[in-house]
C-alpha atoms as a PDB file:
ATOM      1  CA  MET A   1       0.429   0.142   0.141  1.00  0.00           C
ATOM      2  CA  LYS A   2       1.252   3.406  -0.891  1.00  0.00           C
ATOM      3  CA  ILE A   3       0.555   6.486   1.565  1.00  0.00           C
ATOM      4  CA  THR A   4       0.702   9.674   0.094  1.00  0.00           C
ATOM      5  CA  MET A   5       1.265  12.659   2.583  1.00  0.00           C
ATOM      6  CA  LEU A   6      -0.291  16.382   1.692  1.00  0.00           C
ATOM      7  CA  ASN A   7       1.137  19.756   2.564  1.00  0.00           C
ATOM      8  CA  ASN A   8       4.243  19.801   4.938  1.00  0.00           C
ATOM      9  CA  ARG A   9       3.420  16.397   6.490  1.00  0.00           C
ATOM     10  CA  VAL A  10       5.823  13.146   7.012  1.00  0.00           C
ATOM     11  CA  LEU A  11       4.729   9.867   7.657  1.00  0.00           C
ATOM     12  CA  VAL A  12       7.098   8.081   9.944  1.00  0.00           C
ATOM     13  CA  ALA A  13       7.247   4.275  11.353  1.00  0.00           C
ATOM     14  CA  PRO A  14       8.434   4.423  14.872  1.00  0.00           C
ATOM     15  CA  ILE A  15      11.848   2.467  15.468  1.00  0.00           C
ATOM     16  CA  VAL A  16      10.728   0.597  18.736  1.00  0.00           C
ATOM     17  CA  GLU A  17      14.091   0.105  21.330  1.00  0.00           C
ATOM     18  CA  ALA A  18      14.456  -2.975  22.783  1.00  0.00           C
ATOM     19  CA  PRO A  19      15.038  -3.358  26.713  1.00  0.00           C
ATOM     20  CA  LYS A  20      18.106  -2.998  27.771  1.00  0.00           C
ATOM     21  CA  SER A  21      17.770  -5.523  30.617  1.00  0.00           C
ATOM     22  CA  ASP A  22      16.473  -8.881  31.748  1.00  0.00           C
ATOM     23  CA  SER A  23      13.624  -7.223  34.062  1.00  0.00           C
ATOM     24  CA  VAL A  24      10.812  -4.890  31.832  1.00  0.00           C
ATOM     25  CA  ILE A  25       8.678  -2.228  33.323  1.00  0.00           C
ATOM     26  CA  VAL A  26       5.983  -1.489  30.923  1.00  0.00           C
ATOM     27  CA  LYS A  27       4.668   2.000  31.000  1.00  0.00           C
ATOM     28  CA  PRO A  28       2.093   3.831  28.827  1.00  0.00           C
ATOM     29  CA  ASP A  29       3.531   6.432  26.077  1.00  0.00           C
ATOM     30  CA  ASN A  30       1.561   9.303  28.267  1.00  0.00           C
ATOM     31  CA  ALA A  31       3.831   8.345  31.258  1.00  0.00           C
ATOM     32  CA  ARG A  32       6.927   9.241  29.703  1.00  0.00           C
ATOM     33  CA  PRO A  33       8.495  12.681  31.171  1.00  0.00           C
ATOM     34  CA  ASP A  34       8.690  15.735  28.869  1.00  0.00           C
ATOM     35  CA  GLY A  35      11.541  15.838  26.698  1.00  0.00           C
ATOM     36  CA  HIS A  36      11.248  12.283  25.482  1.00  0.00           C
ATOM     37  CA  ILE A  37      12.582  11.991  22.340  1.00  0.00           C
ATOM     38  CA  VAL A  38      11.131   9.840  19.520  1.00  0.00           C
ATOM     39  CA  GLN A  39      13.122   8.073  16.539  1.00  0.00           C
ATOM     40  CA  GLY A  40      11.272   6.605  13.186  1.00  0.00           C
ATOM     41  CA  ARG A  41      12.196   5.956   9.772  1.00  0.00           C
ATOM     42  CA  VAL A  42      10.543   8.563   7.038  1.00  0.00           C
ATOM     43  CA  VAL A  43       7.934   6.367   4.855  1.00  0.00           C
ATOM     44  CA  SER A  44       6.276   9.215   3.153  1.00  0.00           C
ATOM     45  CA  VAL A  45       7.249  12.746   2.532  1.00  0.00           C
ATOM     46  CA  GLY A  46       4.506  15.727   1.482  1.00  0.00           C
ATOM     47  CA  PRO A  47       5.270  18.295  -1.053  1.00  0.00           C
ATOM     48  CA  GLY A  48       5.934  20.911   1.184  1.00  0.00           C
ATOM     49  CA  ILE A  49       4.030  24.298   2.459  1.00  0.00           C
ATOM     50  CA  LYS A  50       3.080  26.788  -0.319  1.00  0.00           C
ATOM     51  CA  PRO A  51       3.997  30.505   1.238  1.00  0.00           C
ATOM     52  CA  GLY A  52       2.419  32.820  -1.632  1.00  0.00           C
ATOM     53  CA  GLY A  53       1.917  29.654  -3.621  1.00  0.00           C
ATOM     54  CA  ILE A  54       5.507  28.557  -4.096  1.00  0.00           C
ATOM     55  CA  ILE A  55       5.876  24.942  -2.587  1.00  0.00           C
ATOM     56  CA  VAL A  56       9.158  25.025  -0.073  1.00  0.00           C
ATOM     57  CA  PRO A  57      10.205  21.469  -0.447  1.00  0.00           C
ATOM     58  CA  ILE A  58      10.821  19.215   2.912  1.00  0.00           C
ATOM     59  CA  ALA A  59      14.363  18.720   4.182  1.00  0.00           C
ATOM     60  CA  VAL A  60      14.051  14.804   4.657  1.00  0.00           C
ATOM     61  CA  LYS A  61      13.423  12.006   2.399  1.00  0.00           C
ATOM     62  CA  GLU A  62      11.720   8.461   2.543  1.00  0.00           C
ATOM     63  CA  GLY A  63      14.285   6.148   4.254  1.00  0.00           C
ATOM     64  CA  ASP A  64      15.760   9.051   6.424  1.00  0.00           C
ATOM     65  CA  VAL A  65      15.868   8.229  10.389  1.00  0.00           C
ATOM     66  CA  VAL A  66      14.661  11.219  12.443  1.00  0.00           C
ATOM     67  CA  PHE A  67      14.193  12.237  15.861  1.00  0.00           C
ATOM     68  CA  PHE A  68      11.159  14.262  17.526  1.00  0.00           C
ATOM     69  CA  ASP A  69       9.522  15.175  20.678  1.00  0.00           C
ATOM     70  CA  HIS A  70       7.048  12.406  21.834  1.00  0.00           C
ATOM     71  CA  THR A  71       4.291  15.098  22.285  1.00  0.00           C
ATOM     72  CA  VAL A  72       4.421  16.189  18.503  1.00  0.00           C
ATOM     73  CA  TYR A  73       2.522  13.453  16.396  1.00  0.00           C
ATOM     74  CA  THR A  74      -0.645  11.705  15.828  1.00  0.00           C
ATOM     75  CA  GLU A  75      -0.822   8.034  15.963  1.00  0.00           C
ATOM     76  CA  LEU A  76      -1.879   6.202  12.499  1.00  0.00           C
ATOM     77  CA  LYS A  77      -2.751   2.722  12.451  1.00  0.00           C
ATOM     78  CA  ILE A  78      -2.985   0.988   9.095  1.00  0.00           C
ATOM     79  CA  SER A  79      -3.542  -2.892   8.816  1.00  0.00           C
ATOM     80  CA  GLY A  80      -2.053  -3.358  12.196  1.00  0.00           C
ATOM     81  CA  VAL A  81       0.642  -1.137  11.592  1.00  0.00           C
ATOM     82  CA  VAL A  82       1.440   2.000  13.414  1.00  0.00           C
ATOM     83  CA  TYR A  83       2.618   5.038  11.915  1.00  0.00           C
ATOM     84  CA  TYR A  84       2.972   8.614  13.255  1.00  0.00           C
ATOM     85  CA  VAL A  85       2.196  11.625  11.297  1.00  0.00           C
ATOM     86  CA  ILE A  86       4.290  14.497  11.737  1.00  0.00           C
ATOM     87  CA  GLU A  87       4.515  18.235  10.589  1.00  0.00           C
ATOM     88  CA  ALA A  88       7.771  18.626   8.812  1.00  0.00           C
ATOM     89  CA  ASP A  89       8.650  21.705  11.150  1.00  0.00           C
ATOM     90  CA  ASN A  90       8.427  19.581  14.443  1.00  0.00           C
ATOM     91  CA  ILE A  91      11.221  17.085  13.270  1.00  0.00           C
ATOM     92  CA  MET A  92      14.241  17.765  15.215  1.00  0.00           C
ATOM     93  CA  GLY A  93      17.028  16.332  12.742  1.00  0.00           C
ATOM     94  CA  ILE A  94      18.197  13.453  11.141  1.00  0.00           C
ATOM     95  CA  VAL A  95      20.260  10.632  12.151  1.00  0.00           C
ATOM     96  CA  GLU A  96      23.348   9.760   9.923  1.00  0.00           C
ATOM     97  CA  PRO A  97      24.505   6.359   9.750  1.00  0.00           C
ATOM     98  CA  LYS A  98      28.020   5.695  10.675  1.00  0.00           C
ATOM     99  CA  GLU A  99      30.705   5.508   8.017  1.00  0.00           C
END
């Protein structure tokens, strides 16, 4: 299935980190402290915003790993798969792979 984003929206597949120990405490997402940063892989990117009718392209592309605050996305579930819809301005940065 292909999902096409509109305007300045970005569709991201969350990257779930594995627990770092044998014991696990599960907390709901809304229990995370302020400032919690989330990572995800970009799945689809809209064309950008149109100030004055001119399209300003979005700085991320499909496949980029990005990070953003946990409070700025809308969760979307399609066929049992969870995605996040984020406005491009809320993406803080791109994680570059190690060389």
